[in-house]
Protein backbone atom coordinates (compact mmCIF):
# COMPACT_ATOMS: atom_id res chain seq x y z
CA MET A 1 12.64 -40.41 6.11
CA SER A 2 12.81 -43.56 3.98
CA LEU A 3 10.83 -43.43 0.73
CA SER A 4 9.64 -46.95 1.42
CA SER A 5 7.39 -45.55 4.14
CA VAL A 6 5.73 -43.09 1.77
CA PRO A 7 2.53 -44.38 0.09
CA THR A 8 2.90 -45.02 -3.64
CA SER A 9 -0.05 -42.73 -4.39
CA VAL A 10 1.73 -39.84 -2.65
CA LEU A 11 4.97 -40.51 -4.54
CA MET A 12 3.11 -40.67 -7.86
CA LYS A 13 1.28 -37.44 -7.16
CA GLU A 14 4.56 -35.70 -6.33
CA LEU A 15 6.22 -37.11 -9.47
CA GLN A 16 3.35 -35.94 -11.66
CA SER A 17 3.51 -32.50 -10.06
CA ARG A 18 7.24 -32.21 -10.71
CA MET A 19 6.87 -33.35 -14.31
CA ARG A 20 4.09 -30.82 -14.89
CA CYS A 21 6.17 -28.03 -13.36
CA ALA A 22 9.22 -28.96 -15.41
CA GLU A 23 7.21 -28.28 -18.57
CA GLN A 24 6.06 -24.83 -17.46
CA LYS A 25 7.50 -21.71 -19.03
CA GLU A 26 9.09 -19.10 -16.78
CA ARG A 27 6.76 -16.29 -15.72
CA ARG A 28 7.57 -13.18 -13.71
CA THR A 29 4.39 -11.37 -12.81
CA ILE A 30 3.24 -8.45 -10.68
CA PHE A 31 -0.29 -8.36 -9.28
CA ILE A 32 -1.62 -4.83 -8.75
CA GLY A 33 -5.01 -3.97 -7.33
CA PRO A 34 -6.60 -2.10 -4.45
CA PRO A 35 -7.21 -3.91 -1.15
CA GLY A 36 -10.09 -6.32 -1.65
CA SER A 37 -9.65 -6.61 -5.42
CA GLY A 38 -8.92 -10.34 -5.21
CA LYS A 39 -5.11 -10.52 -5.28
CA GLY A 40 -5.14 -12.80 -2.25
CA THR A 41 -7.49 -15.21 -4.04
CA GLN A 42 -6.06 -15.14 -7.56
CA ALA A 43 -2.34 -15.14 -6.72
CA PRO A 44 -2.30 -18.48 -4.80
CA ALA A 45 -4.38 -20.09 -7.59
CA MET A 46 -1.96 -18.91 -10.29
CA LYS A 47 0.97 -19.95 -8.12
CA GLU A 48 -0.30 -23.53 -8.16
CA GLU A 49 -1.31 -23.43 -11.82
CA TYR A 50 2.09 -22.30 -13.08
CA CYS A 51 4.45 -23.60 -10.33
CA LEU A 52 5.46 -20.11 -9.24
CA CYS A 53 6.34 -18.65 -5.87
CA HIS A 54 4.02 -16.04 -4.36
CA LEU A 55 6.03 -13.17 -2.92
CA ALA A 56 4.03 -10.86 -0.66
CA THR A 57 6.26 -8.07 0.64
CA GLY A 58 5.15 -8.22 4.26
CA ASP A 59 5.50 -12.00 4.40
CA MET A 60 8.99 -11.82 2.86
CA LEU A 61 10.15 -9.26 5.40
CA ARG A 62 8.86 -11.34 8.29
CA ALA A 63 10.44 -14.50 6.84
CA ALA A 64 13.80 -12.77 6.39
CA VAL A 65 13.69 -11.51 9.98
CA LYS A 66 12.74 -14.96 11.29
CA ALA A 67 15.50 -16.63 9.25
CA GLY A 68 18.06 -14.20 10.61
CA THR A 69 19.53 -13.32 7.21
CA GLU A 70 21.77 -10.25 6.96
CA LEU A 71 19.03 -8.34 5.19
CA GLY A 72 16.50 -9.63 7.71
CA LYS A 73 18.61 -8.32 10.60
CA LYS A 74 18.82 -4.90 8.95
CA ALA A 75 15.05 -4.87 8.35
CA GLN A 76 14.36 -5.91 11.95
CA SER A 77 16.54 -3.11 13.29
CA ILE A 78 14.73 -0.54 11.15
CA MET A 79 11.26 -1.83 12.05
CA LYS A 80 12.07 -1.95 15.76
CA SER A 81 13.03 1.72 15.67
CA GLY A 82 9.72 2.53 13.96
CA GLY A 83 11.28 3.34 10.59
CA LEU A 84 10.23 2.28 7.10
CA VAL A 85 12.30 -0.36 5.35
CA ASP A 86 13.94 1.36 2.39
CA ASP A 87 13.41 0.28 -1.21
CA ASP A 88 16.94 -1.09 -1.72
CA LEU A 89 16.53 -3.40 1.26
CA VAL A 90 13.17 -4.72 0.03
CA VAL A 91 14.58 -5.31 -3.47
CA GLY A 92 17.51 -7.15 -1.88
CA ILE A 93 15.11 -9.42 0.00
CA ILE A 94 13.19 -10.06 -3.24
CA LYS A 95 16.49 -10.90 -4.97
CA ASP A 96 17.29 -13.47 -2.25
CA ALA A 97 13.78 -14.94 -2.46
CA ILE A 98 13.72 -15.44 -6.23
CA ALA A 99 17.04 -17.26 -6.12
CA LYS A 100 15.43 -20.13 -4.18
CA PRO A 101 14.53 -23.39 -6.02
CA GLU A 102 10.80 -22.89 -5.53
CA CYS A 103 11.05 -19.72 -7.65
CA SER A 104 12.86 -21.43 -10.54
CA LYS A 105 9.80 -21.06 -12.79
CA GLY A 106 9.22 -17.48 -11.76
CA PHE A 107 7.14 -15.57 -9.26
CA ILE A 108 4.10 -13.47 -8.50
CA LEU A 109 4.89 -10.21 -6.70
CA ASP A 110 2.06 -8.99 -4.50
CA GLY A 111 2.33 -5.63 -2.71
CA PHE A 112 5.45 -4.44 -4.50
CA PRO A 113 6.24 -2.19 -6.27
CA ARG A 114 3.95 0.51 -4.88
CA THR A 115 5.80 3.49 -6.38
CA VAL A 116 7.61 4.23 -9.64
CA PRO A 117 11.05 4.42 -7.93
CA GLN A 118 10.41 0.94 -6.50
CA ALA A 119 9.46 -0.32 -9.98
CA GLU A 120 12.65 1.15 -11.42
CA LYS A 121 14.80 -0.49 -8.74
CA LEU A 122 13.04 -3.82 -9.29
CA ASP A 123 13.59 -3.63 -13.05
CA GLU A 124 17.25 -2.75 -12.51
CA MET A 125 17.78 -5.73 -10.21
CA LEU A 126 16.02 -8.17 -12.55
CA SER A 127 17.93 -6.84 -15.55
CA LYS A 128 21.23 -7.57 -13.81
CA GLU A 129 19.97 -11.13 -13.25
CA GLY A 130 19.14 -11.42 -16.95
CA HIS A 131 15.39 -11.30 -16.39
CA GLY A 132 12.46 -8.92 -16.54
CA ILE A 133 8.80 -8.65 -15.63
CA ASN A 134 6.61 -10.46 -18.19
CA THR A 135 3.24 -9.02 -17.27
CA VAL A 136 1.46 -6.84 -14.74
CA ILE A 137 -2.02 -8.03 -13.78
CA ASN A 138 -4.07 -4.95 -12.95
CA LEU A 139 -7.24 -5.96 -11.08
CA GLU A 140 -9.77 -3.14 -11.51
CA ILE A 141 -12.85 -2.71 -9.33
CA PRO A 142 -15.02 0.25 -8.22
CA ASP A 143 -14.30 1.58 -4.73
CA ASP A 144 -17.90 1.15 -3.53
CA ILE A 145 -17.77 -2.60 -4.20
CA LEU A 146 -14.54 -2.85 -2.24
CA PHE A 147 -16.12 -1.67 0.99
CA LYS A 148 -18.43 -4.70 1.02
CA ARG A 149 -15.57 -7.00 0.04
CA ILE A 150 -13.37 -5.72 2.85
CA ASP A 151 -16.10 -5.92 5.49
CA GLY A 152 -16.63 -9.59 4.65
CA ARG A 153 -13.03 -10.68 4.12
CA LEU A 154 -11.47 -13.59 6.05
CA THR A 155 -7.88 -14.82 5.69
CA HIS A 156 -6.00 -18.08 6.33
CA PRO A 157 -2.80 -16.70 7.90
CA SER A 158 -0.28 -19.39 6.96
CA SER A 159 -1.22 -19.72 3.26
CA GLY A 160 -2.66 -16.28 2.49
CA ARG A 161 -5.88 -17.79 1.09
CA SER A 162 -8.76 -15.32 1.22
CA TYR A 163 -12.50 -15.84 1.64
CA ASN A 164 -15.48 -13.50 1.84
CA ILE A 165 -18.68 -14.12 3.76
CA PHE A 166 -20.67 -12.38 0.99
CA PHE A 167 -18.94 -13.48 -2.22
CA ASN A 168 -16.72 -16.50 -1.47
CA PRO A 169 -17.62 -18.02 1.90
CA PRO A 170 -15.68 -20.98 3.35
CA LYS A 171 -17.54 -24.31 3.36
CA LYS A 172 -17.52 -24.23 7.16
CA PRO A 173 -17.80 -20.86 8.92
CA MET A 174 -14.45 -19.33 9.95
CA THR A 175 -12.56 -22.45 8.78
CA ASP A 176 -10.08 -22.88 5.93
CA ASP A 177 -11.45 -25.29 3.30
CA ILE A 178 -8.13 -27.09 2.79
CA THR A 179 -6.48 -27.32 6.22
CA GLY A 180 -9.47 -26.96 8.55
CA GLU A 181 -7.53 -24.29 10.44
CA PRO A 182 -9.22 -21.12 11.78
CA LEU A 183 -9.66 -18.08 9.57
CA VAL A 184 -9.07 -14.58 10.89
CA LYS A 185 -10.41 -11.11 10.17
CA ARG A 186 -7.54 -8.65 9.91
CA PRO A 187 -7.87 -5.63 12.21
CA ASP A 188 -7.35 -3.24 9.29
CA ASP A 189 -10.26 -4.74 7.34
CA ASN A 190 -12.74 -1.98 8.21
CA SER A 191 -14.28 0.94 6.35
CA ASP A 192 -12.20 3.71 7.95
CA ALA A 193 -8.92 1.90 7.29
CA LEU A 194 -10.02 1.02 3.76
CA LYS A 195 -10.78 4.65 2.90
CA SER A 196 -7.26 5.66 3.89
CA ARG A 197 -5.68 2.70 2.09
CA LEU A 198 -7.63 3.38 -1.12
CA GLU A 199 -6.55 7.01 -1.15
CA ALA A 200 -2.92 5.91 -0.79
CA PHE A 201 -3.35 3.22 -3.45
CA HIS A 202 -4.81 5.54 -6.08
CA LYS A 203 -2.20 8.24 -5.40
CA GLN A 204 0.85 5.93 -5.39
CA THR A 205 -0.03 3.03 -7.64
CA GLN A 206 -1.63 4.59 -10.72
CA PRO A 207 1.78 5.98 -11.74
CA VAL A 208 3.17 2.42 -11.41
CA ILE A 209 0.47 1.15 -13.77
CA ASN A 210 1.33 3.96 -16.20
CA TYR A 211 5.03 3.05 -15.91
CA TYR A 212 4.42 -0.56 -16.95
CA GLN A 213 1.82 0.42 -19.56
CA SER A 214 4.56 2.38 -21.32
CA GLN A 215 6.41 -0.95 -21.56
CA GLY A 216 3.34 -2.74 -22.94
CA LYS A 217 3.16 -5.10 -19.95
CA VAL A 218 -0.17 -4.30 -18.29
CA ALA A 219 -3.20 -6.59 -18.59
CA SER A 220 -6.24 -4.96 -16.96
CA ILE A 221 -8.88 -7.36 -15.64
CA ASN A 222 -12.39 -6.44 -14.51
CA ALA A 223 -12.31 -7.87 -10.98
CA ASN A 224 -15.99 -7.11 -10.33
CA GLN A 225 -17.04 -10.46 -11.81
CA PRO A 226 -17.47 -14.02 -10.51
CA LEU A 227 -14.23 -15.53 -9.20
CA ALA A 228 -14.02 -18.10 -11.98
CA THR A 229 -14.46 -15.42 -14.65
CA VAL A 230 -11.74 -13.25 -13.12
CA GLY A 231 -9.50 -16.31 -12.79
CA SER A 232 -9.97 -17.16 -16.47
CA GLY A 233 -9.02 -13.61 -17.43
CA VAL A 234 -5.92 -13.67 -15.24
CA LYS A 235 -4.90 -17.06 -16.62
CA LYS A 236 -5.29 -15.90 -20.22
CA ALA A 237 -3.21 -12.80 -19.53
CA MET A 238 -0.44 -14.86 -17.94
CA GLU A 239 -0.36 -17.30 -20.83
CA ASP A 240 -0.38 -14.53 -23.43
CA CYS A 241 2.69 -12.91 -21.87
CA VAL A 242 5.18 -15.73 -22.57
């Protein structure tokens, strides 16, 4: 497409965005929190604020499969047979993802690592690349609050933006504020599924938090506050880490 056909205002906005991103420091961040803690709301906001890429494990696996990469083909074969994708394969997919230009200023990892062995493999891979995790954002919230959050949660599938009919409703019911596209309620967003997921989270993930705390990298944020307050806390933690 010829640039002459692009409105000047659009070109200027893109130029300003690129200049702003060029001035950003590199940040490599992990978001940890139980389902409904606000990762899906805070991560996209911080992605835009600091020109990062948002890497959600499930989305990366699906993208690798769709793109037909070697790792994607291996993952597809395992998933088709009903198996679990092993840690080395997931770390390999993360390695491929962070090498892309959109991750040049760093990334936010969401949904990985879930276990200490995964954290160790991630650290090993990043170390070989000459990098490391800067900070781990630990979003803390009581379990009883999460049940109401989960029951009211709505998601914009293509962007990952999250809403909640109780706490953060869209401007128009069941419609994404930015694109106008339909929102969906995930089938696993119910009380029975949440109880099981919370049990797994507390059992698996607390050791991961302890692992990164021993490295002095964990910033714990009270996520049972207004969105703007939580966002300010997350932003401060991300700026303090570089």
